[in-house]
Protein backbone atom coordinates (compact mmCIF):
# COMPACT_ATOMS: atom_id res chain seq x y z
CA UNK A 1 -1.27 27.52 6.29
CA UNK A 2 -2.85 25.76 2.76
CA UNK A 3 -3.37 22.03 1.71
CA UNK A 4 0.37 21.64 1.12
CA UNK A 5 1.39 22.33 4.10
CA UNK A 6 -0.13 19.46 5.56
CA UNK A 7 0.84 15.76 5.03
CA UNK A 8 0.06 12.02 4.95
CA UNK A 9 2.16 10.05 6.76
CA UNK A 10 0.90 6.95 6.83
CA UNK A 11 -1.59 4.59 5.25
CA UNK A 12 -3.72 1.05 6.24
CA UNK A 13 -5.48 -1.22 4.36
CA UNK A 14 -6.99 -4.52 4.64
CA UNK A 15 -7.52 -7.24 2.21
CA UNK A 16 -11.33 -6.17 0.18
CA UNK A 17 -13.19 -9.23 1.20
CA UNK A 18 -16.57 -10.39 -0.45
CA UNK A 19 -18.27 -10.72 2.77
CA UNK A 20 -16.90 -9.51 6.38
CA UNK A 21 -15.92 -11.89 9.07
CA UNK A 22 -15.32 -8.97 11.44
CA UNK A 23 -17.99 -6.07 12.24
CA UNK A 24 -17.30 -2.43 10.97
CA UNK A 25 -15.95 -1.27 14.28
CA UNK A 26 -12.91 -4.29 14.36
CA UNK A 27 -12.07 -3.18 11.21
CA UNK A 28 -12.40 0.62 12.38
CA UNK A 29 -10.00 -0.75 15.28
CA UNK A 30 -7.46 -2.69 13.16
CA UNK A 31 -6.51 0.52 11.12
CA UNK A 32 -6.08 2.56 14.00
CA UNK A 33 -3.93 0.32 15.27
CA UNK A 34 -1.97 -0.36 12.43
CA UNK A 35 -1.43 3.06 11.95
CA UNK A 36 -0.57 4.11 15.32
CA UNK A 37 1.75 1.17 15.11
CA UNK A 38 3.92 2.60 11.77
CA UNK A 39 3.69 5.99 13.30
CA UNK A 40 4.81 5.26 16.70
CA UNK A 41 1.95 7.69 17.58
CA UNK A 42 -0.35 7.64 21.14
CA UNK A 43 -3.76 7.47 20.45
CA UNK A 44 -4.24 10.07 22.62
CA UNK A 45 -2.54 12.38 19.98
CA UNK A 46 -5.34 11.98 17.55
CA UNK A 47 -7.65 14.44 18.26
CA UNK A 48 -9.43 14.42 14.26
CA UNK A 49 -11.24 11.71 13.27
CA UNK A 50 -12.82 12.11 9.22
CA UNK A 51 -14.70 9.19 8.09
CA UNK A 52 -15.98 8.96 4.57
CA UNK A 53 -19.52 6.04 4.43
CA UNK A 54 -22.32 5.32 2.52
CA UNK A 55 -25.61 5.53 4.80
CA UNK A 56 -26.62 1.60 4.42
CA UNK A 57 -22.92 0.23 5.95
CA UNK A 58 -22.02 0.36 8.84
CA UNK A 59 -23.80 1.92 11.86
CA UNK A 60 -25.59 3.70 9.07
CA UNK A 61 -26.91 6.56 11.39
CA UNK A 62 -26.47 10.31 11.19
CA UNK A 63 -24.04 10.26 14.52
CA UNK A 64 -22.06 7.46 12.38
CA UNK A 65 -18.68 9.31 13.09
CA UNK A 66 -18.72 10.39 16.73
CA UNK A 67 -20.28 6.63 17.61
CA UNK A 68 -16.80 5.33 16.16
CA UNK A 69 -15.01 7.47 17.86
CA UNK A 70 -16.81 6.26 21.53
CA UNK A 71 -16.25 2.96 20.01
CA UNK A 72 -12.65 3.60 19.20
CA UNK A 73 -12.38 5.68 22.52
CA UNK A 74 -11.11 8.91 20.70
CA UNK A 75 -11.85 12.08 22.28
CA UNK A 76 -11.36 14.76 19.16
CA UNK A 77 -11.95 18.29 18.74
CA UNK A 78 -12.85 17.53 15.01
CA UNK A 79 -15.38 14.84 14.48
CA UNK A 80 -16.93 14.57 10.67
CA UNK A 81 -18.65 12.16 8.37
CA UNK A 82 -17.83 13.12 4.90
CA UNK A 83 -21.38 12.30 2.40
CA UNK A 84 -20.47 12.77 -1.37
CA UNK A 85 -20.66 8.88 -2.15
CA UNK A 86 -17.17 7.86 -4.07
CA UNK A 87 -16.05 11.47 -3.67
CA UNK A 88 -15.75 11.15 0.02
CA UNK A 89 -12.02 9.45 0.25
CA UNK A 90 -10.51 12.44 -1.48
CA UNK A 91 -12.79 15.21 0.09
CA UNK A 92 -12.02 13.54 3.16
CA UNK A 93 -8.00 14.49 2.89
CA UNK A 94 -9.10 17.87 1.81
CA UNK A 95 -11.35 18.25 4.74
CA UNK A 96 -8.95 16.52 7.53
CA UNK A 97 -6.18 19.22 5.92
CA UNK A 98 -8.20 21.70 6.23
CA UNK A 99 -9.06 21.18 10.04
CA UNK A 100 -5.80 20.75 10.72
CA UNK A 101 -4.95 24.26 9.03
CA UNK A 102 -7.48 25.91 11.31
CA UNK A 103 -6.55 24.37 14.03
CA UNK A 104 -9.44 22.14 15.23
CA UNK A 105 -7.39 19.25 15.36
CA UNK A 106 -3.58 18.41 14.89
CA UNK A 107 -3.19 14.52 14.34
CA UNK A 108 -6.50 13.33 11.92
CA UNK A 109 -7.37 9.87 11.08
CA UNK A 110 -9.00 9.46 8.40
CA UNK A 111 -11.13 6.01 8.00
CA UNK A 112 -12.77 4.57 5.10
CA UNK A 113 -14.69 1.34 6.70
CA UNK A 114 -17.42 -0.80 5.89
CA UNK A 115 -19.70 -4.05 5.64
CA UNK A 116 -22.59 -3.61 3.52
CA UNK A 117 -22.37 -7.29 2.34
CA UNK A 118 -21.97 -8.34 5.83
CA UNK A 119 -25.27 -6.68 6.98
CA UNK A 120 -27.21 -6.84 3.96
CA UNK A 121 -28.66 -3.09 4.24
CA UNK A 122 -30.45 -3.22 1.18
CA UNK A 123 -34.07 -1.00 1.85
CA UNK A 124 -33.63 2.20 -0.30
CA UNK A 125 -37.59 2.50 0.36
CA UNK A 126 -37.11 6.53 1.27
CA UNK A 127 -33.88 7.06 -0.81
CA UNK A 128 -33.04 9.40 -3.58
CA UNK A 129 -33.46 6.74 -6.56
CA UNK A 130 -36.69 4.65 -5.15
CA UNK A 131 -38.59 8.39 -5.53
CA UNK A 132 -36.98 9.30 -9.30
CA UNK A 133 -35.72 6.44 -10.77
CA UNK A 134 -36.93 3.28 -10.07
CA UNK A 135 -40.51 4.28 -11.22
CA UNK A 136 -39.48 4.57 -14.39
CA UNK A 137 -37.55 0.93 -14.72
CA UNK A 138 -34.10 2.67 -14.42
CA UNK A 139 -33.41 0.14 -11.69
CA UNK A 140 -29.40 1.70 -10.34
CA UNK A 141 -26.56 2.70 -11.67
CA UNK A 142 -25.92 -0.14 -14.41
CA UNK A 143 -29.29 1.01 -16.15
CA UNK A 144 -27.73 4.93 -15.70
CA UNK A 145 -24.65 4.42 -17.14
CA UNK A 146 -26.13 1.98 -20.22
CA UNK A 147 -28.24 5.21 -20.86
CA UNK A 148 -24.90 7.18 -20.43
CA UNK A 149 -23.01 4.57 -22.63
CA UNK A 150 -25.58 4.75 -25.46
CA UNK A 151 -25.59 8.71 -25.66
CA UNK A 152 -21.97 8.80 -26.12
CA UNK A 153 -21.95 6.16 -29.07
CA UNK A 154 -24.90 8.56 -30.38
CA UNK A 155 -22.49 11.17 -30.27
CA UNK A 156 -19.33 9.76 -30.93
CA UNK A 157 -18.71 6.47 -31.65
CA UNK A 158 -17.54 3.78 -29.21
CA UNK A 159 -15.16 0.80 -29.84
CA UNK A 160 -15.94 -1.75 -26.65
CA UNK A 161 -12.56 -3.29 -27.68
CA UNK A 162 -11.14 -0.54 -25.94
CA UNK A 163 -13.05 0.01 -22.98
CA UNK A 164 -12.14 -3.97 -22.94
CA UNK A 165 -8.81 -3.18 -22.65
CA UNK A 166 -9.14 -0.89 -19.82
CA UNK A 167 -10.75 -3.52 -18.61
CA UNK A 168 -8.09 -6.11 -19.35
CA UNK A 169 -5.16 -3.92 -17.89
CA UNK A 170 -6.96 -3.34 -14.21
CA UNK A 171 -7.17 -6.79 -14.04
CA UNK A 172 -3.68 -7.36 -14.54
CA UNK A 173 -3.19 -5.46 -11.92
CA UNK A 174 -5.55 -6.66 -9.36
CA UNK A 175 -3.49 -10.13 -10.30
CA UNK A 176 -0.42 -8.21 -8.73
CA UNK A 177 -2.19 -7.31 -5.35
CA UNK A 178 -2.55 -9.57 -2.62
CA UNK A 179 -5.22 -7.50 -0.71
CA UNK A 180 -7.48 -7.47 -4.14
CA UNK A 181 -11.00 -9.91 -3.43
CA UNK A 182 -9.63 -13.44 -4.26
CA UNK A 183 -13.21 -13.98 -6.05
CA UNK A 184 -11.68 -11.11 -8.70
CA UNK A 185 -8.22 -12.14 -9.16
CA UNK A 186 -8.87 -14.24 -12.17
CA UNK A 187 -7.55 -13.33 -15.34
CA UNK A 188 -9.69 -11.86 -18.15
CA UNK A 189 -9.18 -11.83 -22.09
CA UNK A 190 -10.92 -8.60 -24.14
CA UNK A 191 -13.12 -11.16 -25.76
CA UNK A 192 -13.94 -12.26 -21.88
CA UNK A 193 -14.79 -8.54 -21.87
CA UNK A 194 -17.34 -8.72 -24.92
CA UNK A 195 -18.80 -11.94 -24.16
CA UNK A 196 -19.72 -11.09 -20.36
CA UNK A 197 -23.23 -11.33 -20.14
CA UNK A 198 -25.36 -7.82 -20.54
CA UNK A 199 -26.41 -5.74 -17.27
CA UNK A 200 -27.81 -2.61 -18.67
CA UNK A 201 -27.35 -2.71 -23.03
CA UNK A 202 -24.39 -2.05 -22.98
CA UNK A 203 -23.11 -2.30 -19.52
CA UNK A 204 -21.66 -5.56 -19.02
CA UNK A 205 -21.00 -7.79 -16.07
CA UNK A 206 -17.50 -6.90 -16.99
CA UNK A 207 -17.63 -2.82 -17.23
CA UNK A 208 -19.19 -3.28 -13.56
CA UNK A 209 -17.76 -2.68 -10.26
CA UNK A 210 -18.62 -5.46 -7.23
CA UNK A 211 -19.49 -4.53 -3.70
CA UNK A 212 -18.00 -5.84 -1.17
CA UNK A 213 -16.58 -5.33 2.24
CA UNK A 214 -13.05 -3.54 3.98
CA UNK A 215 -11.75 -1.11 5.32
CA UNK A 216 -8.61 1.52 4.97
CA UNK A 217 -7.55 4.61 6.42
CA UNK A 218 -4.93 7.25 6.95
CA UNK A 219 -3.23 9.41 9.15
CA UNK A 220 -2.41 13.24 8.83
CA UNK A 221 -0.47 16.07 10.54
CA UNK A 222 1.04 18.91 9.24
CA UNK A 223 4.28 18.80 7.87
CA UNK A 224 5.92 20.47 10.51
CA UNK A 225 4.77 17.90 13.22
CA UNK A 226 5.86 15.16 10.69
CA UNK A 227 9.41 16.37 10.61
CA UNK A 228 9.24 16.35 14.48
CA UNK A 229 7.99 13.36 14.83
CA UNK A 230 10.59 12.27 12.58
CA UNK A 231 8.00 10.96 9.56
CA UNK A 232 10.12 10.93 6.50
CA UNK A 233 7.75 8.81 4.03
CA UNK A 234 5.16 11.55 3.63
CA UNK A 235 2.89 12.37 0.95
CA UNK A 236 1.45 16.10 0.26
CA UNK A 237 -2.05 16.90 -1.12
CA UNK A 238 -0.90 19.77 -2.95
CA UNK A 239 -4.05 20.53 -5.14
CA UNK A 240 -7.70 19.40 -4.94
CA UNK A 241 -11.06 20.49 -5.68
CA UNK A 242 -15.01 19.07 -5.93
CA UNK A 243 -18.29 19.72 -8.06
CA UNK A 244 -21.45 18.61 -6.94
CA UNK A 245 -24.28 18.94 -9.09
CA UNK A 246 -22.66 19.90 -12.35
CA UNK A 247 -24.90 22.17 -14.73
CA UNK A 248 -27.67 21.63 -11.86
CA UNK A 249 -29.45 24.59 -12.84
CA UNK A 250 -30.11 23.90 -16.69
CA UNK A 251 -33.27 21.23 -18.26
CA UNK A 252 -31.11 19.96 -21.01
CA UNK A 253 -26.99 18.76 -20.69
CA UNK A 254 -24.87 17.31 -22.14
CA UNK A 255 -24.98 13.68 -20.29
CA UNK A 256 -21.38 13.00 -21.13
CA UNK A 257 -19.85 15.96 -19.48
CA UNK A 258 -19.20 16.00 -15.48
CA UNK A 259 -17.81 18.41 -12.80
CA UNK A 260 -14.72 16.82 -13.59
CA UNK A 261 -14.16 19.29 -16.10
CA UNK A 262 -14.37 22.08 -13.85
CA UNK A 263 -12.56 20.92 -10.95
CA UNK A 264 -9.68 18.98 -12.85
CA UNK A 265 -8.48 22.59 -13.71
CA UNK A 266 -9.12 23.90 -10.37
CA UNK A 267 -7.04 20.96 -8.84
CA UNK A 268 -3.97 21.19 -11.59
CA UNK A 269 -3.84 25.16 -11.28
CA UNK A 270 -3.70 24.75 -7.18
CA UNK A 271 -0.58 22.08 -8.15
CA UNK A 272 1.04 24.19 -10.49
CA UNK A 273 0.42 21.08 -13.17
CA UNK A 274 -0.28 20.55 -16.39
CA UNK A 275 -2.39 17.20 -17.33
CA UNK A 276 0.71 16.21 -19.14
CA UNK A 277 2.58 15.98 -16.22
CA UNK A 278 0.50 13.37 -14.37
CA UNK A 279 2.76 10.42 -14.01
CA UNK A 280 -0.04 8.09 -12.77
CA UNK A 281 -3.63 8.15 -13.06
CA UNK A 282 -6.35 6.65 -10.27
CA UNK A 283 -9.65 7.15 -11.42
CA UNK A 284 -13.11 6.29 -9.81
CA UNK A 285 -14.22 3.65 -11.79
CA UNK A 286 -17.71 2.26 -10.91
CA UNK A 287 -18.09 1.39 -15.03
CA UNK A 288 -15.49 1.29 -17.33
CA UNK A 289 -16.75 3.68 -19.69
CA UNK A 290 -16.67 6.52 -16.74
CA UNK A 291 -12.43 6.09 -16.83
CA UNK A 292 -12.84 6.88 -20.73
CA UNK A 293 -15.22 10.07 -19.77
CA UNK A 294 -12.64 11.24 -16.79
CA UNK A 295 -9.31 10.86 -19.69
CA UNK A 296 -11.82 13.27 -21.70
CA UNK A 297 -13.04 15.36 -18.85
CA UNK A 298 -9.26 16.20 -17.34
CA UNK A 299 -8.38 16.81 -20.63
CA UNK A 300 -5.79 14.14 -21.58
CA UNK A 301 -7.70 13.79 -24.38
CA UNK A 302 -10.74 16.27 -26.26
CA UNK A 303 -14.21 15.08 -26.28
CA UNK A 304 -14.99 12.03 -28.30
CA UNK A 305 -11.39 10.95 -28.69
CA UNK A 306 -10.85 8.70 -25.66
CA UNK A 307 -11.16 5.65 -27.51
CA UNK A 308 -8.53 6.47 -29.67
CA UNK A 309 -6.73 7.93 -26.94
CA UNK A 310 -6.79 4.61 -25.23
CA UNK A 311 -5.94 2.50 -28.60
CA UNK A 312 -2.23 4.49 -28.12
CA UNK A 313 -1.23 4.49 -24.81
CA UNK A 314 -0.25 1.87 -22.27
CA UNK A 315 -1.53 1.82 -19.13
CA UNK A 316 -0.14 -0.70 -17.20
CA UNK A 317 2.00 -0.19 -14.45
CA UNK A 318 5.53 -0.14 -16.88
CA UNK A 319 3.31 2.27 -19.49
CA UNK A 320 3.12 5.62 -20.08
CA UNK A 321 0.56 6.41 -18.54
CA UNK A 322 0.19 3.79 -15.31
CA UNK A 323 -4.12 3.64 -14.09
CA UNK A 324 -5.49 2.19 -10.89
CA UNK A 325 -2.02 -0.03 -10.11
CA UNK A 326 -4.72 -2.01 -7.72
CA UNK A 327 -6.75 -2.81 -9.96
CA UNK A 328 -9.17 -0.24 -9.63
CA UNK A 329 -12.53 -1.08 -7.98
CA UNK A 330 -13.52 -2.90 -10.66
CA UNK A 331 -10.90 -5.44 -10.48
CA UNK A 332 -9.97 -5.67 -7.00
CA UNK A 333 -13.36 -5.16 -5.43
CA UNK A 334 -15.84 -1.89 -4.22
CA UNK A 335 -15.09 -1.64 -0.65
CA UNK A 336 -13.76 0.68 2.31
CA UNK A 337 -15.54 3.49 1.29
CA UNK A 338 -14.44 3.71 -2.05
CA UNK A 339 -11.26 4.71 -1.16
CA UNK A 340 -8.40 1.99 -2.29
CA UNK A 341 -7.52 3.66 -5.50
CA UNK A 342 -6.25 6.67 -3.22
CA UNK A 343 -4.82 4.08 -0.85
CA UNK A 344 -2.71 2.60 -3.96
CA UNK A 345 -1.80 6.39 -5.36
CA UNK A 346 -0.16 6.68 -1.66
CA UNK A 347 1.68 3.48 -1.61
CA UNK A 348 3.09 3.83 -5.11
CA UNK A 349 4.04 7.53 -4.28
CA UNK A 350 6.12 6.02 -1.12
CA UNK A 351 7.57 3.33 -3.25
CA UNK A 352 5.47 0.32 -1.83
CA UNK A 353 3.89 -0.83 -5.06
CA UNK A 354 5.81 -3.89 -4.65
CA UNK A 355 5.58 -6.14 -8.41
CA UNK A 356 3.44 -3.31 -10.08
CA UNK A 357 5.56 -0.58 -8.70
CA UNK A 358 5.28 2.48 -11.13
CA UNK A 359 8.88 4.17 -12.01
CA UNK A 360 7.74 7.43 -12.67
CA UNK A 361 6.84 8.67 -8.84
CA UNK A 362 6.80 12.45 -9.29
CA UNK A 363 2.76 12.51 -8.66
CA UNK A 364 -0.31 10.91 -8.65
CA UNK A 365 -3.88 12.14 -10.09
CA UNK A 366 -6.69 10.75 -7.66
CA UNK A 367 -10.58 11.14 -8.70
CA UNK A 368 -13.97 10.43 -7.13
CA UNK A 369 -17.45 10.25 -8.50
CA UNK A 370 -20.14 10.73 -6.27
CA UNK A 371 -24.06 9.79 -6.71
CA UNK A 372 -26.50 8.95 -9.51
CA UNK A 373 -28.58 12.23 -10.21
CA UNK A 374 -31.46 12.07 -12.25
CA UNK A 375 -31.27 13.48 -15.90
CA UNK A 376 -27.62 14.16 -15.72
CA UNK A 377 -24.30 12.67 -15.43
CA UNK A 378 -23.26 11.54 -12.21
CA UNK A 379 -23.66 13.95 -9.41
CA UNK A 380 -20.46 14.76 -7.57
CA UNK A 381 -17.17 15.19 -8.91
CA UNK A 382 -13.30 15.61 -6.97
CA UNK A 383 -9.76 15.77 -8.28
CA UNK A 384 -6.76 15.39 -5.67
CA UNK A 385 -3.03 16.08 -6.80
CA UNK A 386 -0.70 14.26 -4.64
CA UNK A 387 3.19 14.43 -4.44
CA UNK A 388 5.78 12.62 -2.38
CA UNK A 389 7.46 14.82 0.19
């Protein structure tokens, strides 16, 4: 068997909440129940649990996957929590497929649930960040992306109004997404973006993702089993790759480059597609400039040409390259272990996008960005190509 012999047969999603009114395990139960109901699956058929999780959220212990299985009453043959930051959601799909291929499970429940705002887990006293970056005054991801933005601007030049175009496009999509966080469902203009307050110059408020609470879930099984169960609206993963610690052995690196240059080629190659074949793009978006850097890294345009590419293309749901049609994390909220862009891609390929439904559902490219390391670009990169059955 191979990656493409497996199927995502259902998805579930809560509304993104500024602060959850339910415990993380309650959200997990809601996702499981919704998936079982949609697919007509008995809970006893679930024999795989694959979870994405951030160490400062939910149960926040090294046995979180096992604890969750216990709370949900699941007896499983494969139980894993994926720890690659914002790459974890896409990584869960690949790992679930591998477990199914190997015979470790037949029906996998992929869970993305977090309530870090509700729990206010802000103690990072033993974290990598506290050890290596905070002592030098680089306070968190906005500072890192501020330096990254300045490095790019010094090398290539940067028209921030084009980043504003991306911000406005995603916000317009969030306005059509009832599951987006209500606090963020407010129209913005490019001028609003340009005039929003500086967080870590040149990173503005409207460049930044907002942490939020929520959950999402997927169910996966082999395509053969899906056919036997009469499940027809299946989404097939046909290409996946990830890269951690890109250029980690080098002291002096170009911080505008990332592991997406490698994993993008590998995922597209496995899918048998070229970058110009991509019908919709669902990139990880913790900061707006990360979207532009991924456009370059995946080969939509050459390095340094991101601004021109943004200027020349329509990224709306009805445009020539639909972008994060659910609003992305920046305009919908960063919840559910950063899985909402993945779930949105599945929704679109099933033709269930509602008012924001894309016309071309041949495929979708979903990406992930992991942790922020010291002295280079982001630490982990992932790429996942999906197609409808």
